[in-house]
Amino acid sequence: MSFGITRECDLECPHCYSDSGERDADELSTEEARQVITEVADLGAKIIILDGGEPTLRDDLVDLVAHANDVGVKPVMGSNGMSLSEELVSRLISAGCRGIAISLDGADSRTHDAFRGLEGAWERTIQGAKNCAKLGMPFQIAPLMYRDNWTQLEGIVKKAKNLGANAVEVFDYVPAGRGRGRNEYELGTDQRKTIIDQIIRWQSEGDVTYRVIALPQYWVQVEREVPEDEVLEKFTRSCCAAGIRYITILPNGDVIPCMVLQVKLGNVREDSLKDIWYDSPVLETLRNRDLLKGRCGRCKYRIPCAGARCKAYESTGDMMAEDPTCWFSEDVISED
């Protein structure tokens, strides 16, 4: 589960799914957040991702990490990296944090800083990654790919390896949250296909782990192109897991299937997380792949892929509509 513990953030990224910046007046208190984490553990979740906004700006972050560890759910974190001082990283390690995903949206400072809206952000993020490496905190680099930076992916991957990252998690731009309506950032079909081909080739080399978010077609390509024994040995599935093996809790307690599939399921102040997970009619619909429409409904890969439900929803208002960004031909989706 992903738990956005605050909307407060020190950057102004145009794509931000949570439209972060100012802290919510109705942000969950420390005790409420601890209770949510306990409910996450009671549901049997193995991992909780403490996210934001920027989670390092919340004063009780270390306490929440320690509580997650105490109740038996593995705490990890997503961060822009700018506040990851040696002192904070050391405290997070002591509290039981098992890893940090650090956002890096360019192979150079100019690209990253321009997109993140703050000059000097690149240097602070790189230093945060270096502090993690120095103290032994596992971390991954998490670039968002959009129209102006996608050609820098190879450079970002090289930087991640040089910094000592153990994984690279690539996000495709989804026009949700603050990015809603800003379609000028979206990649084209050929660009998405090129990225997937690159990642499959790099993963076959096996030096770091790659995951791909909001591009479930990646896994279809893996199943079609990579020998099964190599898939089992080297490749990691990553999406679309929305509402099936993953949900998101927002800073005010609202629950949604995924950070970029923003359909409200309930609120933890009013309903137990267990009731939301098991009884939500929205999740019941989302979990039924037979209800997928259009090309996704006809596709032989609808179980492992299902298309990006977030893109279907943002494009049509129907989370079960076909993924408008899928490029597979009718021959592929119906092949024996």
C-alpha atoms as a PDB file:
ATOM      1  CA  MET A   1       0.000   0.000   0.000  1.00  0.00           C
ATOM      2  CA  SER A   2       1.038   3.555  -0.670  1.00  0.00           C
ATOM      3  CA  PHE A   3       0.323   6.046   2.109  1.00  0.00           C
ATOM      4  CA  GLY A   4       0.716   9.708   1.220  1.00  0.00           C
ATOM      5  CA  ILE A   5       1.388  11.089   4.667  1.00  0.00           C
ATOM      6  CA  THR A   6       1.397  14.755   3.594  1.00  0.00           C
ATOM      7  CA  ARG A   7       0.686  16.983   0.613  1.00  0.00           C
ATOM      8  CA  GLU A   8       3.360  19.423   1.732  1.00  0.00           C
ATOM      9  CA  CYS A   9       6.203  19.647  -0.776  1.00  0.00           C
ATOM     10  CA  ASP A  10       9.141  21.925  -1.530  1.00  0.00           C
ATOM     11  CA  LEU A  11       8.916  21.486  -5.320  1.00  0.00           C
ATOM     12  CA  GLU A  12       6.412  22.518  -8.000  1.00  0.00           C
ATOM     13  CA  CYS A  13       6.368  19.640 -10.487  1.00  0.00           C
ATOM     14  CA  PRO A  14       3.740  20.114 -13.244  1.00  0.00           C
ATOM     15  CA  HIS A  15       2.822  16.416 -13.283  1.00  0.00           C
ATOM     16  CA  CYS A  16       2.210  15.981  -9.535  1.00  0.00           C
ATOM     17  CA  TYR A  17      -0.553  13.393  -9.054  1.00  0.00           C
ATOM     18  CA  SER A  18      -1.353  14.720  -5.568  1.00  0.00           C
ATOM     19  CA  ASP A  19      -1.171  18.405  -6.545  1.00  0.00           C
ATOM     20  CA  SER A  20       1.236  18.871  -3.649  1.00  0.00           C
ATOM     21  CA  GLY A  21       2.500  22.121  -2.207  1.00  0.00           C
ATOM     22  CA  GLU A  22       0.630  23.240   0.895  1.00  0.00           C
ATOM     23  CA  ARG A  23      -0.167  20.889   3.775  1.00  0.00           C
ATOM     24  CA  ASP A  24      -3.829  19.848   4.038  1.00  0.00           C
ATOM     25  CA  ALA A  25      -5.697  21.344   6.969  1.00  0.00           C
ATOM     26  CA  ASP A  26      -7.317  17.935   7.498  1.00  0.00           C
ATOM     27  CA  GLU A  27      -4.114  15.874   7.277  1.00  0.00           C
ATOM     28  CA  LEU A  28      -4.234  12.742   9.417  1.00  0.00           C
ATOM     29  CA  SER A  29      -2.672  13.250  12.847  1.00  0.00           C
ATOM     30  CA  THR A  30       0.193  11.128  14.121  1.00  0.00           C
ATOM     31  CA  GLU A  31      -2.177   8.861  16.033  1.00  0.00           C
ATOM     32  CA  GLU A  32      -4.511   8.548  13.053  1.00  0.00           C
ATOM     33  CA  ALA A  33      -1.580   7.757  10.769  1.00  0.00           C
ATOM     34  CA  ARG A  34      -0.290   5.129  13.202  1.00  0.00           C
ATOM     35  CA  GLN A  35      -3.750   3.543  13.275  1.00  0.00           C
ATOM     36  CA  VAL A  36      -3.843   3.431   9.475  1.00  0.00           C
ATOM     37  CA  ILE A  37      -0.457   1.705   9.427  1.00  0.00           C
ATOM     38  CA  THR A  38      -1.723  -0.836  11.967  1.00  0.00           C
ATOM     39  CA  GLU A  39      -4.744  -1.525   9.739  1.00  0.00           C
ATOM     40  CA  VAL A  40      -2.435  -1.962   6.754  1.00  0.00           C
ATOM     41  CA  ALA A  41      -0.465  -4.576   8.693  1.00  0.00           C
ATOM     42  CA  ASP A  42      -3.641  -6.315   9.906  1.00  0.00           C
ATOM     43  CA  LEU A  43      -4.790  -6.679   6.294  1.00  0.00           C
ATOM     44  CA  GLY A  44      -1.632  -8.632   5.568  1.00  0.00           C
ATOM     45  CA  ALA A  45       0.180  -6.108   3.386  1.00  0.00           C
ATOM     46  CA  LYS A  46       3.883  -6.829   3.131  1.00  0.00           C
ATOM     47  CA  ILE A  47       5.063  -3.350   2.158  1.00  0.00           C
ATOM     48  CA  ILE A  48       3.880   0.183   2.946  1.00  0.00           C
ATOM     49  CA  ILE A  49       5.253   3.046   0.856  1.00  0.00           C
ATOM     50  CA  LEU A  50       5.321   6.285   2.831  1.00  0.00           C
ATOM     51  CA  ASP A  51       4.880   8.955   0.192  1.00  0.00           C
ATOM     52  CA  GLY A  52       3.653  12.492  -0.255  1.00  0.00           C
ATOM     53  CA  GLY A  53       3.910  15.266  -1.136  1.00  0.00           C
ATOM     54  CA  GLU A  54       7.360  15.048   0.322  1.00  0.00           C
ATOM     55  CA  PRO A  55       7.301  12.738   3.374  1.00  0.00           C
ATOM     56  CA  THR A  56      10.562  14.068   4.822  1.00  0.00           C
ATOM     57  CA  LEU A  57       8.731  17.343   5.561  1.00  0.00           C
ATOM     58  CA  ARG A  58       6.476  15.606   8.072  1.00  0.00           C
ATOM     59  CA  ASP A  59       7.950  15.860  11.574  1.00  0.00           C
ATOM     60  CA  ASP A  60       6.791  12.415  12.678  1.00  0.00           C
ATOM     61  CA  LEU A  61       8.162  10.514   9.652  1.00  0.00           C
ATOM     62  CA  VAL A  62      10.723   8.536  11.654  1.00  0.00           C
ATOM     63  CA  ASP A  63       8.082   7.620  14.243  1.00  0.00           C
ATOM     64  CA  LEU A  64       5.738   6.362  11.499  1.00  0.00           C
ATOM     65  CA  VAL A  65       8.536   4.306   9.951  1.00  0.00           C
ATOM     66  CA  ALA A  66       9.320   2.760  13.326  1.00  0.00           C
ATOM     67  CA  HIS A  67       5.650   1.996  13.946  1.00  0.00           C
ATOM     68  CA  ALA A  68       5.323   0.234  10.579  1.00  0.00           C
ATOM     69  CA  ASN A  69       8.346  -1.852  11.404  1.00  0.00           C
ATOM     70  CA  ASP A  70       6.950  -2.669  14.864  1.00  0.00           C
ATOM     71  CA  VAL A  71       3.598  -3.907  13.533  1.00  0.00           C
ATOM     72  CA  GLY A  72       5.214  -6.093  10.909  1.00  0.00           C
ATOM     73  CA  VAL A  73       4.833  -4.281   7.605  1.00  0.00           C
ATOM     74  CA  LYS A  74       7.977  -3.403   5.657  1.00  0.00           C
ATOM     75  CA  PRO A  75       8.344   0.412   5.489  1.00  0.00           C
ATOM     76  CA  VAL A  76       9.831   1.999   2.382  1.00  0.00           C
ATOM     77  CA  MET A  77       9.593   5.571   1.173  1.00  0.00           C
ATOM     78  CA  GLY A  78       9.256   7.773  -1.906  1.00  0.00           C
ATOM     79  CA  SER A  79      11.104  11.092  -1.839  1.00  0.00           C
ATOM     80  CA  ASN A  80      12.507  13.865  -3.989  1.00  0.00           C
ATOM     81  CA  GLY A  81      15.744  13.240  -2.098  1.00  0.00           C
ATOM     82  CA  MET A  82      16.490  16.862  -1.273  1.00  0.00           C
ATOM     83  CA  SER A  83      16.182  16.484   2.510  1.00  0.00           C
ATOM     84  CA  LEU A  84      17.971  13.134   2.817  1.00  0.00           C
ATOM     85  CA  SER A  85      20.807  14.344   5.006  1.00  0.00           C
ATOM     86  CA  GLU A  86      23.181  11.834   6.574  1.00  0.00           C
ATOM     87  CA  GLU A  87      21.513  12.492   9.929  1.00  0.00           C
ATOM     88  CA  LEU A  88      18.001  11.779   8.618  1.00  0.00           C
ATOM     89  CA  VAL A  89      19.077   8.716   6.618  1.00  0.00           C
ATOM     90  CA  SER A  90      20.781   7.335   9.716  1.00  0.00           C
ATOM     91  CA  ARG A  91      17.614   7.840  11.773  1.00  0.00           C
ATOM     92  CA  LEU A  92      15.486   6.189   9.077  1.00  0.00           C
ATOM     93  CA  ILE A  93      17.798   3.180   9.011  1.00  0.00           C
ATOM     94  CA  SER A  94      17.606   2.863  12.793  1.00  0.00           C
ATOM     95  CA  ALA A  95      13.797   3.079  12.640  1.00  0.00           C
ATOM     96  CA  GLY A  96      13.648   0.224  10.152  1.00  0.00           C
ATOM     97  CA  CYS A  97      13.180   1.875   6.750  1.00  0.00           C
ATOM     98  CA  ARG A  98      14.108  -0.724   4.119  1.00  0.00           C
ATOM     99  CA  GLY A  99      14.548   1.468   1.053  1.00  0.00           C
ATOM    100  CA  ILE A 100      13.870   4.807  -0.629  1.00  0.00           C
ATOM    101  CA  ALA A 101      12.708   5.647  -4.154  1.00  0.00           C
ATOM    102  CA  ILE A 102      14.343   8.902  -5.226  1.00  0.00           C
ATOM    103  CA  SER A 103      12.823  10.890  -8.081  1.00  0.00           C
ATOM    104  CA  LEU A 104      15.283  12.006 -10.764  1.00  0.00           C
ATOM    105  CA  ASP A 105      13.778  13.432 -13.928  1.00  0.00           C
ATOM    106  CA  GLY A 106      16.831  14.230 -15.992  1.00  0.00           C
ATOM    107  CA  ALA A 107      20.357  13.139 -16.765  1.00  0.00           C
ATOM    108  CA  ASP A 108      21.548  16.691 -16.052  1.00  0.00           C
ATOM    109  CA  SER A 109      20.676  19.482 -13.655  1.00  0.00           C
ATOM    110  CA  ARG A 110      19.132  21.737 -16.286  1.00  0.00           C
ATOM    111  CA  THR A 111      16.461  19.218 -17.294  1.00  0.00           C
ATOM    112  CA  HIS A 112      15.673  18.036 -13.764  1.00  0.00           C
ATOM    113  CA  ASP A 113      15.545  21.512 -12.215  1.00  0.00           C
ATOM    114  CA  ALA A 114      13.375  22.947 -14.995  1.00  0.00           C
ATOM    115  CA  PHE A 115      10.759  20.226 -14.569  1.00  0.00           C
ATOM    116  CA  ARG A 116      10.896  20.226 -10.780  1.00  0.00           C
ATOM    117  CA  GLY A 117      10.571  24.003 -10.593  1.00  0.00           C
ATOM    118  CA  LEU A 118      13.600  24.737  -8.412  1.00  0.00           C
ATOM    119  CA  GLU A 119      17.135  25.638  -9.364  1.00  0.00           C
ATOM    120  CA  GLY A 120      19.571  23.524  -7.358  1.00  0.00           C
ATOM    121  CA  ALA A 121      17.127  20.642  -6.870  1.00  0.00           C
ATOM    122  CA  TRP A 122      19.343  18.278  -8.893  1.00  0.00           C
ATOM    123  CA  GLU A 123      22.388  18.821  -6.670  1.00  0.00           C
ATOM    124  CA  ARG A 124      20.413  18.271  -3.491  1.00  0.00           C
ATOM    125  CA  THR A 125      18.756  15.138  -4.876  1.00  0.00           C
ATOM    126  CA  ILE A 126      22.083  13.675  -6.002  1.00  0.00           C
ATOM    127  CA  GLN A 127      23.556  14.405  -2.574  1.00  0.00           C
ATOM    128  CA  GLY A 128      20.604  12.663  -0.928  1.00  0.00           C
ATOM    129  CA  ALA A 129      21.270   9.570  -3.053  1.00  0.00           C
ATOM    130  CA  LYS A 130      24.958   9.707  -2.149  1.00  0.00           C
ATOM    131  CA  ASN A 131      24.066   9.888   1.541  1.00  0.00           C
ATOM    132  CA  CYS A 132      21.935   6.764   1.164  1.00  0.00           C
ATOM    133  CA  ALA A 133      24.768   4.931  -0.589  1.00  0.00           C
ATOM    134  CA  LYS A 134      27.309   6.019   2.031  1.00  0.00           C
ATOM    135  CA  LEU A 135      25.207   4.787   4.960  1.00  0.00           C
ATOM    136  CA  GLY A 136      23.946   1.598   3.317  1.00  0.00           C
ATOM    137  CA  MET A 137      20.318   2.592   2.768  1.00  0.00           C
ATOM    138  CA  PRO A 138      19.029   0.692  -0.298  1.00  0.00           C
ATOM    139  CA  PHE A 139      17.588   3.086  -2.854  1.00  0.00           C
ATOM    140  CA  GLN A 140      16.232   3.181  -6.365  1.00  0.00           C
ATOM    141  CA  ILE A 141      16.073   5.994  -8.884  1.00  0.00           C
ATOM    142  CA  ALA A 142      12.554   6.754 -10.121  1.00  0.00           C
ATOM    143  CA  PRO A 143      12.440   8.897 -13.272  1.00  0.00           C
ATOM    144  CA  LEU A 144       9.220  10.170 -14.812  1.00  0.00           C
ATOM    145  CA  MET A 145       9.398   9.944 -18.596  1.00  0.00           C
ATOM    146  CA  TYR A 146       7.694  12.740 -20.535  1.00  0.00           C
ATOM    147  CA  ARG A 147       8.044  14.359 -23.951  1.00  0.00           C
ATOM    148  CA  ASP A 148      11.066  16.550 -23.131  1.00  0.00           C
ATOM    149  CA  ASN A 149      13.258  14.073 -21.231  1.00  0.00           C
ATOM    150  CA  TRP A 150      12.599  10.571 -22.586  1.00  0.00           C
ATOM    151  CA  THR A 151      15.788  10.548 -24.662  1.00  0.00           C
ATOM    152  CA  GLN A 152      17.754  11.001 -21.417  1.00  0.00           C
ATOM    153  CA  LEU A 153      16.645   7.679 -19.932  1.00  0.00           C
ATOM    154  CA  GLU A 154      19.931   5.953 -20.734  1.00  0.00           C
ATOM    155  CA  GLY A 155      21.831   8.790 -19.059  1.00  0.00           C
ATOM    156  CA  ILE A 156      19.568   8.590 -16.005  1.00  0.00           C
ATOM    157  CA  VAL A 157      20.155   4.831 -15.783  1.00  0.00           C
ATOM    158  CA  LYS A 158      23.921   5.332 -15.985  1.00  0.00           C
ATOM    159  CA  LYS A 159      23.703   7.932 -13.229  1.00  0.00           C
ATOM    160  CA  ALA A 160      21.613   5.565 -11.084  1.00  0.00           C
ATOM    161  CA  LYS A 161      24.233   2.824 -11.456  1.00  0.00           C
ATOM    162  CA  ASN A 162      27.086   5.204 -10.660  1.00  0.00           C
ATOM    163  CA  LEU A 163      25.285   6.361  -7.521  1.00  0.00           C
ATOM    164  CA  GLY A 164      24.792   2.765  -6.364  1.00  0.00           C
ATOM    165  CA  ALA A 165      21.035   2.347  -6.908  1.00  0.00           C
ATOM    166  CA  ASN A 166      19.747  -1.220  -6.819  1.00  0.00           C
ATOM    167  CA  ALA A 167      16.764  -0.508  -9.094  1.00  0.00           C
ATOM    168  CA  VAL A 168      15.336   1.927 -11.615  1.00  0.00           C
ATOM    169  CA  GLU A 169      11.550   2.423 -11.592  1.00  0.00           C
ATOM    170  CA  VAL A 170      10.382   4.194 -14.739  1.00  0.00           C
ATOM    171  CA  PHE A 171       7.079   6.097 -14.692  1.00  0.00           C
ATOM    172  CA  ASP A 172       5.146   7.023 -17.806  1.00  0.00           C
ATOM    173  CA  TYR A 173       3.512  10.451 -17.599  1.00  0.00           C
ATOM    174  CA  VAL A 174      -0.200  10.259 -16.727  1.00  0.00           C
ATOM    175  CA  PRO A 175      -2.205  13.521 -16.906  1.00  0.00           C
ATOM    176  CA  ALA A 176      -3.734  13.191 -13.430  1.00  0.00           C
ATOM    177  CA  GLY A 177      -3.771  15.509 -10.419  1.00  0.00           C
ATOM    178  CA  ARG A 178      -1.935  18.740 -11.242  1.00  0.00           C
ATOM    179  CA  GLY A 179      -1.088  17.267 -14.617  1.00  0.00           C
ATOM    180  CA  ARG A 180      -4.737  16.823 -15.596  1.00  0.00           C
ATOM    181  CA  GLY A 181      -5.295  18.422 -18.982  1.00  0.00           C
ATOM    182  CA  ARG A 182      -1.568  18.976 -19.604  1.00  0.00           C
ATOM    183  CA  ASN A 183      -1.363  16.479 -22.432  1.00  0.00           C
ATOM    184  CA  GLU A 184       1.572  18.254 -24.033  1.00  0.00           C
ATOM    185  CA  TYR A 185       3.855  16.263 -21.704  1.00  0.00           C
ATOM    186  CA  GLU A 186       2.614  12.868 -22.863  1.00  0.00           C
ATOM    187  CA  LEU A 187       4.849  10.514 -24.797  1.00  0.00           C
ATOM    188  CA  GLY A 188       3.869   9.192 -28.186  1.00  0.00           C
ATOM    189  CA  THR A 189       3.447   5.541 -29.105  1.00  0.00           C
ATOM    190  CA  ASP A 190       6.866   5.193 -30.734  1.00  0.00           C
ATOM    191  CA  GLN A 191       8.545   6.780 -27.716  1.00  0.00           C
ATOM    192  CA  ARG A 192       6.826   4.423 -25.289  1.00  0.00           C
ATOM    193  CA  LYS A 193       7.748   1.411 -27.417  1.00  0.00           C
ATOM    194  CA  THR A 194      11.368   2.546 -27.593  1.00  0.00           C
ATOM    195  CA  ILE A 195      11.536   2.902 -23.801  1.00  0.00           C
ATOM    196  CA  ILE A 196      10.088  -0.566 -23.270  1.00  0.00           C
ATOM    197  CA  ASP A 197      12.486  -2.133 -25.784  1.00  0.00           C
ATOM    198  CA  GLN A 198      15.412  -0.445 -24.027  1.00  0.00           C
ATOM    199  CA  ILE A 199      14.348  -1.627 -20.591  1.00  0.00           C
ATOM    200  CA  ILE A 200      13.825  -5.217 -21.723  1.00  0.00           C
ATOM    201  CA  ARG A 201      17.300  -5.224 -23.245  1.00  0.00           C
ATOM    202  CA  TRP A 202      18.861  -3.698 -20.117  1.00  0.00           C
ATOM    203  CA  GLN A 203      17.022  -6.067 -17.780  1.00  0.00           C
ATOM    204  CA  SER A 204      18.308  -9.031 -19.769  1.00  0.00           C
ATOM    205  CA  GLU A 205      21.800  -7.801 -18.901  1.00  0.00           C
ATOM    206  CA  GLY A 206      20.742  -8.110 -15.259  1.00  0.00           C
ATOM    207  CA  ASP A 207      22.840  -5.468 -13.490  1.00  0.00           C
ATOM    208  CA  VAL A 208      19.965  -3.614 -11.746  1.00  0.00           C
ATOM    209  CA  THR A 209      16.251  -4.311 -11.391  1.00  0.00           C
ATOM    210  CA  TYR A 210      13.863  -2.393 -13.636  1.00  0.00           C
ATOM    211  CA  ARG A 211      10.186  -1.728 -12.985  1.00  0.00           C
ATOM    212  CA  VAL A 212       7.766   0.142 -15.222  1.00  0.00           C
ATOM    213  CA  ILE A 213       4.735   2.081 -13.949  1.00  0.00           C
ATOM    214  CA  ALA A 214       1.674   3.089 -16.028  1.00  0.00           C
ATOM    215  CA  LEU A 215       2.910   1.030 -18.983  1.00  0.00           C
ATOM    216  CA  PRO A 216       1.523  -2.474 -18.380  1.00  0.00           C
ATOM    217  CA  GLN A 217       2.228  -3.230 -22.039  1.00  0.00           C
ATOM    218  CA  TYR A 218       5.785  -3.728 -20.847  1.00  0.00           C
ATOM    219  CA  TRP A 219       4.812  -7.072 -19.347  1.00  0.00           C
ATOM    220  CA  VAL A 220       3.060  -8.166 -22.523  1.00  0.00           C
ATOM    221  CA  GLN A 221       6.255  -7.470 -24.434  1.00  0.00           C
ATOM    222  CA  VAL A 222       8.232  -9.451 -21.847  1.00  0.00           C
ATOM    223  CA  GLU A 223       5.896 -12.442 -22.122  1.00  0.00           C
ATOM    224  CA  ARG A 224       5.991 -12.338 -25.930  1.00  0.00           C
ATOM    225  CA  GLU A 225       9.723 -11.795 -26.397  1.00  0.00           C
ATOM    226  CA  VAL A 226      11.689 -13.136 -23.439  1.00  0.00           C
ATOM    227  CA  PRO A 227      12.299 -16.868 -22.776  1.00  0.00           C
ATOM    228  CA  GLU A 228      10.348 -18.063 -19.740  1.00  0.00           C
ATOM    229  CA  ASP A 229      13.375 -19.112 -17.702  1.00  0.00           C
ATOM    230  CA  GLU A 230      14.910 -15.671 -18.181  1.00  0.00           C
ATOM    231  CA  VAL A 231      11.634 -13.984 -17.199  1.00  0.00           C
ATOM    232  CA  LEU A 232      11.536 -15.942 -13.939  1.00  0.00           C
ATOM    233  CA  GLU A 233      15.180 -15.248 -13.189  1.00  0.00           C
ATOM    234  CA  LYS A 234      15.516 -11.578 -14.084  1.00  0.00           C
ATOM    235  CA  PHE A 235      12.217  -9.737 -14.616  1.00  0.00           C
ATOM    236  CA  THR A 236       9.870  -8.108 -12.103  1.00  0.00           C
ATOM    237  CA  ARG A 237       6.181  -7.342 -12.669  1.00  0.00           C
ATOM    238  CA  SER A 238       5.053  -3.904 -11.584  1.00  0.00           C
ATOM    239  CA  CYS A 239       1.571  -2.971 -12.908  1.00  0.00           C
ATOM    240  CA  CYS A 240      -1.320  -2.617 -13.413  1.00  0.00           C
ATOM    241  CA  ALA A 241      -1.975  -3.644  -9.796  1.00  0.00           C
ATOM    242  CA  ALA A 242      -4.529  -0.935  -8.928  1.00  0.00           C
ATOM    243  CA  GLY A 243      -7.126  -2.312  -6.545  1.00  0.00           C
ATOM    244  CA  ILE A 244      -5.866  -5.878  -6.958  1.00  0.00           C
ATOM    245  CA  ARG A 245      -2.671  -6.017  -4.959  1.00  0.00           C
ATOM    246  CA  TYR A 246      -2.205  -2.314  -4.280  1.00  0.00           C
ATOM    247  CA  ILE A 247      -4.163   0.733  -3.078  1.00  0.00           C
ATOM    248  CA  THR A 248      -3.310   4.302  -2.051  1.00  0.00           C
ATOM    249  CA  ILE A 249      -4.241   6.231   1.078  1.00  0.00           C
ATOM    250  CA  LEU A 250      -4.135  10.021   0.778  1.00  0.00           C
ATOM    251  CA  PRO A 251      -3.063  12.491   3.510  1.00  0.00           C
ATOM    252  CA  ASN A 252      -6.678  13.298   4.466  1.00  0.00           C
ATOM    253  CA  GLY A 253      -7.593   9.608   4.736  1.00  0.00           C
ATOM    254  CA  ASP A 254      -9.251   9.204   1.342  1.00  0.00           C
ATOM    255  CA  VAL A 255      -8.557   5.822  -0.270  1.00  0.00           C
ATOM    256  CA  ILE A 256      -8.122   5.385  -4.034  1.00  0.00           C
ATOM    257  CA  PRO A 257      -7.078   2.341  -6.109  1.00  0.00           C
ATOM    258  CA  CYS A 258      -3.781   3.875  -7.225  1.00  0.00           C
ATOM    259  CA  MET A 259      -2.001   7.191  -6.963  1.00  0.00           C
ATOM    260  CA  VAL A 260      -2.954   7.980 -10.572  1.00  0.00           C
ATOM    261  CA  LEU A 261      -6.342   6.211 -10.633  1.00  0.00           C
ATOM    262  CA  GLN A 262      -8.142   8.756  -8.530  1.00  0.00           C
ATOM    263  CA  VAL A 263     -11.560   7.190  -7.898  1.00  0.00           C
ATOM    264  CA  LYS A 264     -12.566   7.578  -4.242  1.00  0.00           C
ATOM    265  CA  LEU A 265     -13.282   4.297  -2.443  1.00  0.00           C
ATOM    266  CA  GLY A 266     -13.905   5.698   1.029  1.00  0.00           C
ATOM    267  CA  ASN A 267     -12.104   7.408   3.880  1.00  0.00           C
ATOM    268  CA  VAL A 268     -10.305   5.724   6.780  1.00  0.00           C
ATOM    269  CA  ARG A 269     -11.895   8.171   9.239  1.00  0.00           C
ATOM    270  CA  GLU A 270     -15.308   6.794   8.312  1.00  0.00           C
ATOM    271  CA  ASP A 271     -14.654   3.186   7.281  1.00  0.00           C
ATOM    272  CA  SER A 272     -12.113   0.569   8.222  1.00  0.00           C
ATOM    273  CA  LEU A 273      -9.469  -0.145   5.636  1.00  0.00           C
ATOM    274  CA  LYS A 274     -10.516  -3.794   5.778  1.00  0.00           C
ATOM    275  CA  ASP A 275     -14.103  -2.927   4.837  1.00  0.00           C
ATOM    276  CA  ILE A 276     -12.917  -0.701   1.988  1.00  0.00           C
ATOM    277  CA  TRP A 277     -10.599  -3.387   0.649  1.00  0.00           C
ATOM    278  CA  TYR A 278     -13.111  -6.224   0.756  1.00  0.00           C
ATOM    279  CA  ASP A 279     -16.451  -4.474   0.219  1.00  0.00           C
ATOM    280  CA  SER A 280     -15.858  -1.564  -2.174  1.00  0.00           C
ATOM    281  CA  PRO A 281     -18.083  -1.924  -5.268  1.00  0.00           C
ATOM    282  CA  VAL A 282     -15.514   0.091  -7.216  1.00  0.00           C
ATOM    283  CA  LEU A 283     -12.812  -2.440  -6.397  1.00  0.00           C
ATOM    284  CA  GLU A 284     -15.179  -5.310  -7.197  1.00  0.00           C
ATOM    285  CA  THR A 285     -15.626  -3.856 -10.669  1.00  0.00           C
ATOM    286  CA  LEU A 286     -11.944  -3.096 -11.146  1.00  0.00           C
ATOM    287  CA  ARG A 287     -10.960  -6.652 -10.215  1.00  0.00           C
ATOM    288  CA  ASN A 288     -13.257  -8.226 -12.793  1.00  0.00           C
ATOM    289  CA  ARG A 289     -11.224  -8.329 -15.998  1.00  0.00           C
ATOM    290  CA  ASP A 290     -14.299  -9.600 -17.849  1.00  0.00           C
ATOM    291  CA  LEU A 291     -15.781  -6.106 -17.480  1.00  0.00           C
ATOM    292  CA  LEU A 292     -12.982  -4.465 -19.482  1.00  0.00           C
ATOM    293  CA  LYS A 293     -14.247  -2.747 -22.609  1.00  0.00           C
ATOM    294  CA  GLY A 294     -13.098  -2.237 -26.158  1.00  0.00           C
ATOM    295  CA  ARG A 295      -9.764  -3.643 -27.216  1.00  0.00           C
ATOM    296  CA  CYS A 296      -8.759  -4.339 -23.598  1.00  0.00           C
ATOM    297  CA  GLY A 297     -11.827  -6.522 -23.186  1.00  0.00           C
ATOM    298  CA  ARG A 298     -10.938  -8.524 -26.308  1.00  0.00           C
ATOM    299  CA  CYS A 299      -7.254  -8.857 -25.500  1.00  0.00           C
ATOM    300  CA  LYS A 300      -5.774 -12.251 -24.622  1.00  0.00           C
ATOM    301  CA  TYR A 301      -3.401 -10.413 -22.262  1.00  0.00           C
ATOM    302  CA  ARG A 302      -6.164  -8.743 -20.237  1.00  0.00           C
ATOM    303  CA  ILE A 303      -5.262 -10.702 -17.089  1.00  0.00           C
ATOM    304  CA  PRO A 304      -1.527  -9.888 -16.843  1.00  0.00           C
ATOM    305  CA  CYS A 305      -1.898  -6.429 -18.427  1.00  0.00           C
ATOM    306  CA  ALA A 306      -5.467  -5.030 -18.394  1.00  0.00           C
ATOM    307  CA  GLY A 307      -4.182  -1.772 -19.824  1.00  0.00           C
ATOM    308  CA  ALA A 308      -3.445   1.319 -17.759  1.00  0.00           C
ATOM    309  CA  ARG A 309      -6.712   1.848 -15.878  1.00  0.00           C
ATOM    310  CA  CYS A 310      -5.555   5.345 -14.897  1.00  0.00           C
ATOM    311  CA  LYS A 311      -5.204   6.414 -18.544  1.00  0.00           C
ATOM    312  CA  ALA A 312      -8.589   4.950 -19.449  1.00  0.00           C
ATOM    313  CA  TYR A 313     -10.215   6.862 -16.591  1.00  0.00           C
ATOM    314  CA  GLU A 314      -8.502  10.181 -17.296  1.00  0.00           C
ATOM    315  CA  SER A 315      -9.314   9.912 -20.995  1.00  0.00           C
ATOM    316  CA  THR A 316     -12.953   8.800 -20.786  1.00  0.00           C
ATOM    317  CA  GLY A 317     -14.165   8.979 -17.186  1.00  0.00           C
ATOM    318  CA  ASP A 318     -14.642   5.200 -17.308  1.00  0.00           C
ATOM    319  CA  MET A 319     -11.984   3.191 -15.498  1.00  0.00           C
ATOM    320  CA  MET A 320     -12.953   0.049 -17.448  1.00  0.00           C
ATOM    321  CA  ALA A 321     -12.610   1.606 -20.903  1.00  0.00           C
ATOM    322  CA  GLU A 322      -9.814   0.525 -23.218  1.00  0.00           C
ATOM    323  CA  ASP A 323      -6.366   1.986 -22.652  1.00  0.00           C
ATOM    324  CA  PRO A 324      -6.142   4.772 -25.259  1.00  0.00           C
ATOM    325  CA  THR A 325      -2.344   4.539 -25.371  1.00  0.00           C
ATOM    326  CA  CYS A 326      -2.081   0.812 -26.199  1.00  0.00           C
ATOM    327  CA  TRP A 327      -0.405   0.156 -29.541  1.00  0.00           C
ATOM    328  CA  PHE A 328      -0.955  -3.577 -29.965  1.00  0.00           C
ATOM    329  CA  SER A 329      -2.678  -4.588 -33.179  1.00  0.00           C
ATOM    330  CA  GLU A 330      -5.784  -6.773 -33.370  1.00  0.00           C
ATOM    331  CA  ASP A 331      -3.534  -9.600 -34.547  1.00  0.00           C
ATOM    332  CA  VAL A 332      -1.461  -9.375 -31.353  1.00  0.00           C
ATOM    333  CA  ILE A 333      -4.346  -9.114 -28.896  1.00  0.00           C
ATOM    334  CA  SER A 334      -6.108 -12.110 -30.444  1.00  0.00           C
ATOM    335  CA  GLU A 335      -3.094 -14.300 -31.300  1.00  0.00           C
ATOM    336  CA  ASP A 336      -3.081 -17.941 -30.225  1.00  0.00           C
END
